Amino acid sequence: QVQLVESGGGLVQPGGSLRLSCAASGDITSFYTVYWHRQAPGKQRQWIAVITSGGSTDYRDSVKGRFTISRDIAKNTVYLQMSRLKPEDTAVYYCNAGRGSDDLWGQGTQVTVSS
């Protein structure tokens, strides 16, 4: 089964940037819809960005214009470029790939935005 591994999280100051990576052990970019979700302490997990197998993208309003989802097909990797980060972006970020009954999740990576 395809496994997902997120990386790139860390501590960043407000206004800063980070790029998260979701590396797959198999081809997820050609056949799967890939989401980035996040879960802040005490809150429900929510999707924030999505990229379809055809390359279409969409974003939750709270990150639109600041975050960009992209992919490298050759590397089986999906990225989340985050800019103009705010303290309210602090959360564990998860990568999720879906196709039919397949629902794959990574282990998550912590992003903390604080001065």
Protein backbone atom coordinates (compact mmCIF):
# COMPACT_ATOMS: atom_id res chain seq x y z
CA GLN A 1 0.00 0.00 0.00
CA VAL A 2 1.17 3.50 -0.77
CA GLN A 3 2.52 5.36 2.24
CA LEU A 4 2.65 9.11 2.74
CA VAL A 5 5.32 10.97 4.68
CA GLU A 6 5.02 14.67 5.46
CA SER A 7 7.98 16.89 6.20
CA GLY A 8 8.91 20.55 6.35
CA GLY A 9 7.10 21.67 9.47
CA GLY A 10 8.69 23.73 12.18
CA LEU A 11 8.66 27.00 14.07
CA VAL A 12 8.32 30.19 12.04
CA GLN A 13 7.65 33.81 12.89
CA PRO A 14 4.44 35.53 11.83
CA GLY A 15 4.74 36.67 8.25
CA GLY A 16 7.20 33.93 7.42
CA SER A 17 7.03 31.04 5.00
CA LEU A 18 7.34 27.27 5.04
CA ARG A 19 7.05 24.58 2.43
CA LEU A 20 5.57 21.25 3.43
CA SER A 21 6.21 18.11 1.43
CA CYS A 22 4.12 14.97 1.14
CA ALA A 23 6.26 12.20 -0.30
CA ALA A 24 4.50 9.06 -1.48
CA SER A 25 5.99 5.58 -1.84
CA GLY A 26 3.98 5.15 -5.03
CA ASP A 27 2.28 7.19 -7.71
CA ILE A 28 -0.39 9.35 -6.11
CA THR A 29 -0.25 12.30 -8.45
CA SER A 30 -1.66 10.50 -11.49
CA PHE A 31 -4.63 8.78 -9.89
CA TYR A 32 -5.39 10.33 -6.54
CA THR A 33 -6.94 13.52 -5.29
CA VAL A 34 -4.54 14.85 -2.68
CA TYR A 35 -5.55 17.09 0.21
CA TRP A 36 -3.72 18.98 2.86
CA HIS A 37 -5.61 19.15 6.12
CA ARG A 38 -4.74 20.74 9.42
CA GLN A 39 -5.82 20.31 12.99
CA ALA A 40 -5.26 23.00 15.57
CA PRO A 41 -5.34 22.18 19.29
CA GLY A 42 -8.91 21.66 20.47
CA LYS A 43 -10.34 22.01 16.97
CA GLN A 44 -11.58 19.68 14.29
CA ARG A 45 -9.38 18.65 11.41
CA GLN A 46 -10.26 20.60 8.26
CA TRP A 47 -9.09 20.49 4.70
CA ILE A 48 -7.24 23.54 3.49
CA ALA A 49 -6.00 22.70 0.00
CA VAL A 50 -6.65 20.10 -2.67
CA ILE A 51 -5.15 19.08 -5.99
CA THR A 52 -6.88 16.63 -8.28
CA SER A 53 -5.26 14.05 -10.54
CA GLY A 54 -5.95 16.47 -13.38
CA GLY A 55 -4.11 19.25 -11.61
CA SER A 56 -7.05 21.40 -10.55
CA THR A 57 -6.63 23.12 -7.19
CA ASP A 58 -8.86 24.67 -4.57
CA TYR A 59 -8.36 26.25 -1.17
CA ARG A 60 -10.21 27.01 2.01
CA ASP A 61 -10.97 30.71 2.16
CA SER A 62 -8.76 31.24 5.22
CA VAL A 63 -5.62 30.29 3.28
CA LYS A 64 -6.55 31.43 -0.21
CA GLY A 65 -3.91 33.75 -1.61
CA ARG A 66 -1.34 32.69 1.00
CA PHE A 67 -0.96 28.95 0.44
CA THR A 68 -0.22 27.12 -2.80
CA ILE A 69 -0.55 23.39 -3.42
CA SER A 70 1.56 21.87 -6.17
CA ARG A 71 3.06 18.57 -7.19
CA ASP A 72 6.12 16.99 -8.72
CA ILE A 73 4.91 13.99 -10.68
CA ALA A 74 8.38 12.55 -11.18
CA LYS A 75 9.02 12.64 -7.43
CA ASN A 76 5.53 11.45 -6.37
CA THR A 77 5.45 14.45 -4.07
CA VAL A 78 2.85 17.05 -3.29
CA TYR A 79 3.84 20.36 -1.73
CA LEU A 80 2.14 23.04 0.29
CA GLN A 81 3.88 26.40 0.04
CA MET A 82 2.73 28.57 2.93
CA SER A 83 3.40 32.29 2.98
CA ARG A 84 2.41 35.22 5.19
CA LEU A 85 1.88 32.79 8.02
CA LYS A 86 -0.25 33.80 10.98
CA PRO A 87 -0.38 32.48 14.54
CA GLU A 88 -3.77 30.96 13.72
CA ASP A 89 -2.06 28.75 11.12
CA THR A 90 -0.47 26.84 14.00
CA ALA A 91 -1.58 23.21 13.66
CA VAL A 92 -0.55 19.72 12.74
CA TYR A 93 -0.69 19.46 8.96
CA TYR A 94 -1.66 16.20 7.30
CA CYS A 95 -1.44 14.94 3.76
CA ASN A 96 -4.32 12.76 2.53
CA ALA A 97 -4.70 10.96 -0.80
CA GLY A 98 -8.03 9.56 -1.90
CA ARG A 99 -9.11 7.37 -4.78
CA GLY A 100 -12.27 5.29 -4.64
CA SER A 101 -12.10 3.29 -1.40
CA ASP A 102 -8.44 4.19 -0.86
CA ASP A 103 -7.98 6.79 1.85
CA LEU A 104 -4.33 7.31 2.68
CA TRP A 105 -2.96 9.53 5.46
CA GLY A 106 0.44 10.64 6.56
CA GLN A 107 1.55 10.99 10.17
CA GLY A 108 1.39 14.77 10.19
CA THR A 109 3.91 17.54 10.65
CA GLN A 110 3.72 20.31 13.24
CA VAL A 111 3.69 23.93 12.14
CA THR A 112 4.00 26.56 14.84
CA VAL A 113 3.72 30.26 14.02
CA SER A 114 4.97 32.35 16.89
CA SER A 115 7.27 35.22 17.67
